[in-house]
Structure formats: structure tokens, C-alpha cells
Amino acid sequence: MKTRTLHRFIGLIMLLPFIGWAITGAIFFLKPGYAGAYELLQVKTYPLESQTVIKPQNDWLEARLVKTILGEHLLVRTAQGARHLDPQTLAPRNEPTEDEIQKLLSDALQINPSRYGHINKIEGKQITTDTGVRVTLNWERLTLTQRGADTDRIDWFYKIHYLQWTGIALLDKTLGAVGIALVVILSLLGLRLFFRRG
């Protein structure tokens, strides 16, 4: 196969990835909708009013006392992981009831009502709002994560950009390696054609 024909053939094969890279690259550069999609949602906290004295334990690496609409929480980090304790007894705090999750999340979602709306459904520690945003509560750390359709869409653009087209890790890596090899070959063929012309 002649150099020019091979160059055109590989160029046609690489047309789809190049278009994908150009479009997604522009999206990553301009970042439209990123603010809401990756907004940091936090549990709402209040000033501490009690004079609670905490006696640290030997295995604690870090301790934090916070107050939410549900009362005071002692959040501890150990070598074994995070622990959510009752500040008065230092015993593990009970898992939240659905009503407690409703209170905690309703309080937190007020930060951006246009994005989060109101709680629509609670399944365990996964909460769905009437705007379609999914919020997950990590009780041990007392943290929240949120995802909406915009988050899913941007993540989909990342998969396109990084050639994660099939969802099968080995196949996607192979496609990526082939793509890089074709770009190198395309560049070398282009150089050869350029210097041959001269």
C-alpha cells in the first residue's frame, strides 16, 4: 500500500477519535455546568453550645466535634477507619432513622434549592430529589456526595476522551494503545510525505 493511501486510510480510521477528542477537549477547557455537577454538598453545622469535654482514646488519630440539626456528633479517625461516636458516652452512634436522614438532608439541601429541590425518595443512605439529583450519606464520616444528570454527562465525556468506550478495562486499554500507535504512525507518514514532496 502506498504511503499516501495508507496515510488517508489511517486518517479516516482516526477521524472519529479526533472529533471526540476535539469536542470533549473544548468541554474540559470551558467547563460548562461543572459548578453544579461537582458542587461540594456538606452537612449543615451549627455553633457548639455545650461544654462537652472529650477524653481522647489511644487509638484516635483525629477527632472532630460538630453539631447538626440532629445534635452533637463526635467524628473520629483511627487506623481502622472512620468512627461516628456519641460525644457523651463515646459509644458508636446508632445508624440514622429515615426521619433523621430526612431532617439532616433537608437542612443541607437548602444551600442550593434550584439544584436539589426537595427529597423525593430515601432508600437506605441513598436519597433522590425531585430534581433527579442523587445524594449519598456516609454516616461514619458524616459527609455527603451528590450526582445529577449533568455529572453523569460530564463523566461520559471523560470516557469518550480517554477512549473508555466499551466499559471493559482490558479492551479499553487495548483500544487506547492502538489509538496512540495509529497517531504516531499517522504523524510519521505525514512527515514522510512532507519531506518526499520537498
C-alpha atoms as a PDB file:
ATOM      1  CA  MET A   1       0.000   0.000   0.000  1.00  0.00           C
ATOM      2  CA  LYS A   2       1.363   3.413  -0.973  1.00  0.00           C
ATOM      3  CA  THR A   3       2.314   5.902   1.735  1.00  0.00           C
ATOM      4  CA  ARG A   4      -0.335   8.425   0.667  1.00  0.00           C
ATOM      5  CA  THR A   5      -3.093   5.759   0.557  1.00  0.00           C
ATOM      6  CA  LEU A   6      -2.056   4.376   3.965  1.00  0.00           C
ATOM      7  CA  HIS A   7      -1.990   7.902   5.399  1.00  0.00           C
ATOM      8  CA  ARG A   8      -5.526   8.560   4.135  1.00  0.00           C
ATOM      9  CA  PHE A   9      -6.774   5.188   5.398  1.00  0.00           C
ATOM     10  CA  ILE A  10      -5.403   5.690   8.920  1.00  0.00           C
ATOM     11  CA  GLY A  11      -6.650   9.292   8.841  1.00  0.00           C
ATOM     12  CA  LEU A  12     -10.200   8.045   8.158  1.00  0.00           C
ATOM     13  CA  ILE A  13      -9.942   5.493  10.989  1.00  0.00           C
ATOM     14  CA  MET A  14      -8.759   8.191  13.394  1.00  0.00           C
ATOM     15  CA  LEU A  15     -11.408  10.716  12.319  1.00  0.00           C
ATOM     16  CA  LEU A  16     -13.936   9.602  14.961  1.00  0.00           C
ATOM     17  CA  PRO A  17     -11.488   9.689  17.922  1.00  0.00           C
ATOM     18  CA  PHE A  18     -10.088  13.045  16.741  1.00  0.00           C
ATOM     19  CA  ILE A  19     -13.578  14.568  16.595  1.00  0.00           C
ATOM     20  CA  GLY A  20     -14.313  13.101  20.041  1.00  0.00           C
ATOM     21  CA  TRP A  21     -11.052  14.478  21.463  1.00  0.00           C
ATOM     22  CA  ALA A  22     -11.667  17.924  19.966  1.00  0.00           C
ATOM     23  CA  ILE A  23     -15.242  18.232  21.261  1.00  0.00           C
ATOM     24  CA  THR A  24     -14.517  16.824  24.728  1.00  0.00           C
ATOM     25  CA  GLY A  25     -11.277  18.831  24.962  1.00  0.00           C
ATOM     26  CA  ALA A  26     -13.262  22.021  24.344  1.00  0.00           C
ATOM     27  CA  ILE A  27     -15.757  20.977  27.045  1.00  0.00           C
ATOM     28  CA  PHE A  28     -12.949  20.323  29.545  1.00  0.00           C
ATOM     29  CA  PHE A  29     -11.374  23.685  28.704  1.00  0.00           C
ATOM     30  CA  LEU A  30     -14.598  25.718  29.004  1.00  0.00           C
ATOM     31  CA  LYS A  31     -16.097  23.592  31.835  1.00  0.00           C
ATOM     32  CA  PRO A  32     -19.782  24.401  31.194  1.00  0.00           C
ATOM     33  CA  GLY A  33     -22.000  23.220  34.043  1.00  0.00           C
ATOM     34  CA  TYR A  34     -19.111  21.981  36.173  1.00  0.00           C
ATOM     35  CA  ALA A  35     -20.006  24.150  39.179  1.00  0.00           C
ATOM     36  CA  GLY A  36     -23.296  22.371  39.835  1.00  0.00           C
ATOM     37  CA  ALA A  37     -22.219  18.935  38.637  1.00  0.00           C
ATOM     38  CA  TYR A  38     -19.330  18.756  41.097  1.00  0.00           C
ATOM     39  CA  GLU A  39     -20.662  21.059  43.811  1.00  0.00           C
ATOM     40  CA  LEU A  40     -19.424  20.106  47.266  1.00  0.00           C
ATOM     41  CA  LEU A  41     -22.518  19.331  49.312  1.00  0.00           C
ATOM     42  CA  GLN A  42     -21.926  19.365  53.055  1.00  0.00           C
ATOM     43  CA  VAL A  43     -23.946  18.589  56.147  1.00  0.00           C
ATOM     44  CA  LYS A  44     -25.085  21.887  57.680  1.00  0.00           C
ATOM     45  CA  THR A  45     -23.406  22.531  61.017  1.00  0.00           C
ATOM     46  CA  TYR A  46     -24.234  24.874  63.874  1.00  0.00           C
ATOM     47  CA  PRO A  47     -22.196  26.563  66.627  1.00  0.00           C
ATOM     48  CA  LEU A  48     -21.347  24.319  69.572  1.00  0.00           C
ATOM     49  CA  GLU A  49     -23.130  25.496  72.723  1.00  0.00           C
ATOM     50  CA  SER A  50     -22.363  22.777  75.246  1.00  0.00           C
ATOM     51  CA  GLN A  51     -19.166  22.470  77.250  1.00  0.00           C
ATOM     52  CA  THR A  52     -18.622  18.840  76.236  1.00  0.00           C
ATOM     53  CA  VAL A  53     -15.174  17.605  77.271  1.00  0.00           C
ATOM     54  CA  ILE A  54     -13.780  14.808  75.138  1.00  0.00           C
ATOM     55  CA  LYS A  55     -11.157  12.470  76.532  1.00  0.00           C
ATOM     56  CA  PRO A  56      -9.136  11.199  73.542  1.00  0.00           C
ATOM     57  CA  GLN A  57      -8.501   7.477  73.254  1.00  0.00           C
ATOM     58  CA  ASN A  58      -5.096   5.993  72.429  1.00  0.00           C
ATOM     59  CA  ASP A  59      -6.127   4.717  69.001  1.00  0.00           C
ATOM     60  CA  TRP A  60      -7.564   8.040  67.787  1.00  0.00           C
ATOM     61  CA  LEU A  61      -5.589   9.799  65.074  1.00  0.00           C
ATOM     62  CA  GLU A  62      -8.016  12.676  64.735  1.00  0.00           C
ATOM     63  CA  ALA A  63     -11.250  13.795  66.421  1.00  0.00           C
ATOM     64  CA  ARG A  64     -13.811  16.407  65.470  1.00  0.00           C
ATOM     65  CA  LEU A  65     -16.873  17.538  67.402  1.00  0.00           C
ATOM     66  CA  VAL A  66     -19.679  19.016  65.284  1.00  0.00           C
ATOM     67  CA  LYS A  67     -23.286  19.961  65.803  1.00  0.00           C
ATOM     68  CA  THR A  68     -26.040  19.398  63.233  1.00  0.00           C
ATOM     69  CA  ILE A  69     -29.805  19.572  63.346  1.00  0.00           C
ATOM     70  CA  LEU A  70     -29.620  16.097  64.942  1.00  0.00           C
ATOM     71  CA  GLY A  71     -27.402  17.245  67.822  1.00  0.00           C
ATOM     72  CA  GLU A  72     -23.704  16.745  68.541  1.00  0.00           C
ATOM     73  CA  HIS A  73     -21.523  14.219  66.728  1.00  0.00           C
ATOM     74  CA  LEU A  74     -18.012  13.052  67.546  1.00  0.00           C
ATOM     75  CA  LEU A  75     -16.213  12.053  64.354  1.00  0.00           C
ATOM     76  CA  VAL A  76     -13.040  10.067  64.942  1.00  0.00           C
ATOM     77  CA  ARG A  77     -10.403   8.714  62.570  1.00  0.00           C
ATOM     78  CA  THR A  78      -8.429   5.627  63.595  1.00  0.00           C
ATOM     79  CA  ALA A  79      -6.016   3.323  61.794  1.00  0.00           C
ATOM     80  CA  GLN A  80      -9.019   1.059  61.152  1.00  0.00           C
ATOM     81  CA  GLY A  81     -11.084   3.837  59.581  1.00  0.00           C
ATOM     82  CA  ALA A  82     -13.692   6.453  60.475  1.00  0.00           C
ATOM     83  CA  ARG A  83     -15.987   6.149  63.508  1.00  0.00           C
ATOM     84  CA  HIS A  84     -19.076   8.150  64.395  1.00  0.00           C
ATOM     85  CA  LEU A  85     -19.464   8.306  68.166  1.00  0.00           C
ATOM     86  CA  ASP A  86     -21.821   9.735  70.753  1.00  0.00           C
ATOM     87  CA  PRO A  87     -19.847  12.582  72.408  1.00  0.00           C
ATOM     88  CA  GLN A  88     -21.297  11.815  75.863  1.00  0.00           C
ATOM     89  CA  THR A  89     -20.683   8.049  76.007  1.00  0.00           C
ATOM     90  CA  LEU A  90     -18.022   7.578  73.278  1.00  0.00           C
ATOM     91  CA  ALA A  91     -20.115   4.623  72.087  1.00  0.00           C
ATOM     92  CA  PRO A  92     -20.791   4.226  68.350  1.00  0.00           C
ATOM     93  CA  ARG A  93     -23.737   6.395  67.394  1.00  0.00           C
ATOM     94  CA  ASN A  94     -26.759   4.476  66.112  1.00  0.00           C
ATOM     95  CA  GLU A  95     -27.456   4.411  62.397  1.00  0.00           C
ATOM     96  CA  PRO A  96     -29.845   7.240  61.475  1.00  0.00           C
ATOM     97  CA  THR A  97     -33.539   6.563  61.059  1.00  0.00           C
ATOM     98  CA  GLU A  98     -35.314   7.617  57.882  1.00  0.00           C
ATOM     99  CA  ASP A  99     -36.759  10.623  59.742  1.00  0.00           C
ATOM    100  CA  GLU A 100     -33.262  11.665  60.874  1.00  0.00           C
ATOM    101  CA  ILE A 101     -31.923  11.340  57.332  1.00  0.00           C
ATOM    102  CA  GLN A 102     -34.860  13.445  56.118  1.00  0.00           C
ATOM    103  CA  LYS A 103     -34.037  16.188  58.667  1.00  0.00           C
ATOM    104  CA  LEU A 104     -30.286  16.116  58.024  1.00  0.00           C
ATOM    105  CA  LEU A 105     -30.644  16.210  54.237  1.00  0.00           C
ATOM    106  CA  SER A 106     -33.461  18.753  54.124  1.00  0.00           C
ATOM    107  CA  ASP A 107     -31.220  21.048  56.159  1.00  0.00           C
ATOM    108  CA  ALA A 108     -28.218  20.508  53.864  1.00  0.00           C
ATOM    109  CA  LEU A 109     -30.139  20.843  50.582  1.00  0.00           C
ATOM    110  CA  GLN A 110     -31.245  24.384  51.423  1.00  0.00           C
ATOM    111  CA  ILE A 111     -27.839  25.600  50.222  1.00  0.00           C
ATOM    112  CA  ASN A 112     -28.975  25.333  46.578  1.00  0.00           C
ATOM    113  CA  PRO A 113     -32.742  24.758  46.228  1.00  0.00           C
ATOM    114  CA  SER A 114     -32.725  25.186  42.448  1.00  0.00           C
ATOM    115  CA  ARG A 115     -30.358  22.218  42.083  1.00  0.00           C
ATOM    116  CA  TYR A 116     -31.559  19.940  44.847  1.00  0.00           C
ATOM    117  CA  GLY A 117     -35.244  20.783  45.201  1.00  0.00           C
ATOM    118  CA  HIS A 118     -36.867  18.521  47.781  1.00  0.00           C
ATOM    119  CA  ILE A 119     -36.315  14.948  48.894  1.00  0.00           C
ATOM    120  CA  ASN A 120     -38.339  12.581  46.754  1.00  0.00           C
ATOM    121  CA  LYS A 121     -37.176   9.153  47.925  1.00  0.00           C
ATOM    122  CA  ILE A 122     -34.950   7.659  50.641  1.00  0.00           C
ATOM    123  CA  GLU A 123     -33.502   4.174  50.182  1.00  0.00           C
ATOM    124  CA  GLY A 124     -31.042   3.364  52.955  1.00  0.00           C
ATOM    125  CA  LYS A 125     -28.483   6.167  52.793  1.00  0.00           C
ATOM    126  CA  GLN A 126     -29.227   6.979  49.143  1.00  0.00           C
ATOM    127  CA  ILE A 127     -31.530   9.968  48.681  1.00  0.00           C
ATOM    128  CA  THR A 128     -33.121  11.074  45.398  1.00  0.00           C
ATOM    129  CA  THR A 129     -34.517  14.568  45.000  1.00  0.00           C
ATOM    130  CA  ASP A 130     -37.366  15.764  42.801  1.00  0.00           C
ATOM    131  CA  THR A 131     -34.764  17.391  40.520  1.00  0.00           C
ATOM    132  CA  GLY A 132     -33.156  13.999  39.861  1.00  0.00           C
ATOM    133  CA  VAL A 133     -30.041  14.561  41.979  1.00  0.00           C
ATOM    134  CA  ARG A 134     -28.814  11.510  43.909  1.00  0.00           C
ATOM    135  CA  VAL A 135     -27.265  12.207  47.316  1.00  0.00           C
ATOM    136  CA  THR A 136     -25.380   9.603  49.335  1.00  0.00           C
ATOM    137  CA  LEU A 137     -24.834   9.920  53.082  1.00  0.00           C
ATOM    138  CA  ASN A 138     -21.684   8.485  54.634  1.00  0.00           C
ATOM    139  CA  TRP A 139     -22.769   8.241  58.263  1.00  0.00           C
ATOM    140  CA  GLU A 140     -19.364   7.238  59.663  1.00  0.00           C
ATOM    141  CA  ARG A 141     -17.750  10.373  58.216  1.00  0.00           C
ATOM    142  CA  LEU A 142     -20.932  12.489  58.248  1.00  0.00           C
ATOM    143  CA  THR A 143     -20.292  13.518  54.654  1.00  0.00           C
ATOM    144  CA  LEU A 144     -22.475  13.833  51.572  1.00  0.00           C
ATOM    145  CA  THR A 145     -21.796  13.202  47.899  1.00  0.00           C
ATOM    146  CA  GLN A 146     -24.120  14.270  45.104  1.00  0.00           C
ATOM    147  CA  ARG A 147     -24.577  13.331  41.444  1.00  0.00           C
ATOM    148  CA  GLY A 148     -27.004  14.601  38.871  1.00  0.00           C
ATOM    149  CA  ALA A 149     -27.646  14.016  35.187  1.00  0.00           C
ATOM    150  CA  ASP A 150     -25.040  16.725  34.470  1.00  0.00           C
ATOM    151  CA  THR A 151     -22.406  14.827  36.496  1.00  0.00           C
ATOM    152  CA  ASP A 152     -23.186  11.633  34.568  1.00  0.00           C
ATOM    153  CA  ARG A 153     -22.972  13.508  31.262  1.00  0.00           C
ATOM    154  CA  ILE A 154     -19.572  15.064  32.046  1.00  0.00           C
ATOM    155  CA  ASP A 155     -18.243  11.686  33.238  1.00  0.00           C
ATOM    156  CA  TRP A 156     -19.462  10.233  29.915  1.00  0.00           C
ATOM    157  CA  PHE A 157     -17.425  12.907  28.083  1.00  0.00           C
ATOM    158  CA  TYR A 158     -14.356  11.848  30.068  1.00  0.00           C
ATOM    159  CA  LYS A 159     -14.903   8.235  28.972  1.00  0.00           C
ATOM    160  CA  ILE A 160     -15.099   9.342  25.339  1.00  0.00           C
ATOM    161  CA  HIS A 161     -11.971  11.493  25.664  1.00  0.00           C
ATOM    162  CA  TYR A 162      -9.909   8.732  27.269  1.00  0.00           C
ATOM    163  CA  LEU A 163     -11.175   6.016  24.899  1.00  0.00           C
ATOM    164  CA  GLN A 164     -13.121   4.179  27.601  1.00  0.00           C
ATOM    165  CA  TRP A 165     -15.777   3.249  25.076  1.00  0.00           C
ATOM    166  CA  THR A 166     -16.672  -0.320  25.990  1.00  0.00           C
ATOM    167  CA  GLY A 167     -16.597  -0.347  29.803  1.00  0.00           C
ATOM    168  CA  ILE A 168     -14.278  -3.376  29.646  1.00  0.00           C
ATOM    169  CA  ALA A 169     -10.955  -2.251  31.140  1.00  0.00           C
ATOM    170  CA  LEU A 170      -8.671  -4.567  29.102  1.00  0.00           C
ATOM    171  CA  LEU A 171     -10.418  -3.801  25.817  1.00  0.00           C
ATOM    172  CA  ASP A 172     -10.417  -0.050  26.501  1.00  0.00           C
ATOM    173  CA  LYS A 173      -6.667  -0.140  27.281  1.00  0.00           C
ATOM    174  CA  THR A 174      -6.064  -2.054  24.061  1.00  0.00           C
ATOM    175  CA  LEU A 175      -8.099   0.487  22.065  1.00  0.00           C
ATOM    176  CA  GLY A 176      -6.147   3.303  23.726  1.00  0.00           C
ATOM    177  CA  ALA A 177      -2.809   1.694  22.840  1.00  0.00           C
ATOM    178  CA  VAL A 178      -3.940   1.110  19.245  1.00  0.00           C
ATOM    179  CA  GLY A 179      -5.157   4.727  19.050  1.00  0.00           C
ATOM    180  CA  ILE A 180      -1.806   6.077  20.247  1.00  0.00           C
ATOM    181  CA  ALA A 181       0.072   3.800  17.840  1.00  0.00           C
ATOM    182  CA  LEU A 182      -2.087   4.987  14.924  1.00  0.00           C
ATOM    183  CA  VAL A 183      -1.483   8.646  15.842  1.00  0.00           C
ATOM    184  CA  VAL A 184       2.293   8.010  15.829  1.00  0.00           C
ATOM    185  CA  ILE A 185       2.094   6.147  12.506  1.00  0.00           C
ATOM    186  CA  LEU A 186      -0.090   8.898  11.034  1.00  0.00           C
ATOM    187  CA  SER A 187       2.439  11.528  12.122  1.00  0.00           C
ATOM    188  CA  LEU A 188       5.397   9.581  10.711  1.00  0.00           C
ATOM    189  CA  LEU A 189       3.603   9.009   7.394  1.00  0.00           C
ATOM    190  CA  GLY A 190       2.755  12.725   7.262  1.00  0.00           C
ATOM    191  CA  LEU A 191       6.409  13.617   7.814  1.00  0.00           C
ATOM    192  CA  ARG A 192       7.486  11.168   5.133  1.00  0.00           C
ATOM    193  CA  LEU A 193       5.029  12.678   2.653  1.00  0.00           C
ATOM    194  CA  PHE A 194       6.159  16.204   3.549  1.00  0.00           C
ATOM    195  CA  PHE A 195       9.868  15.506   3.015  1.00  0.00           C
ATOM    196  CA  ARG A 196       9.264  13.390  -0.064  1.00  0.00           C
ATOM    197  CA  ARG A 197       7.382  16.294  -1.614  1.00  0.00           C
ATOM    198  CA  GLY A 198      10.359  18.515  -0.958  1.00  0.00           C
END
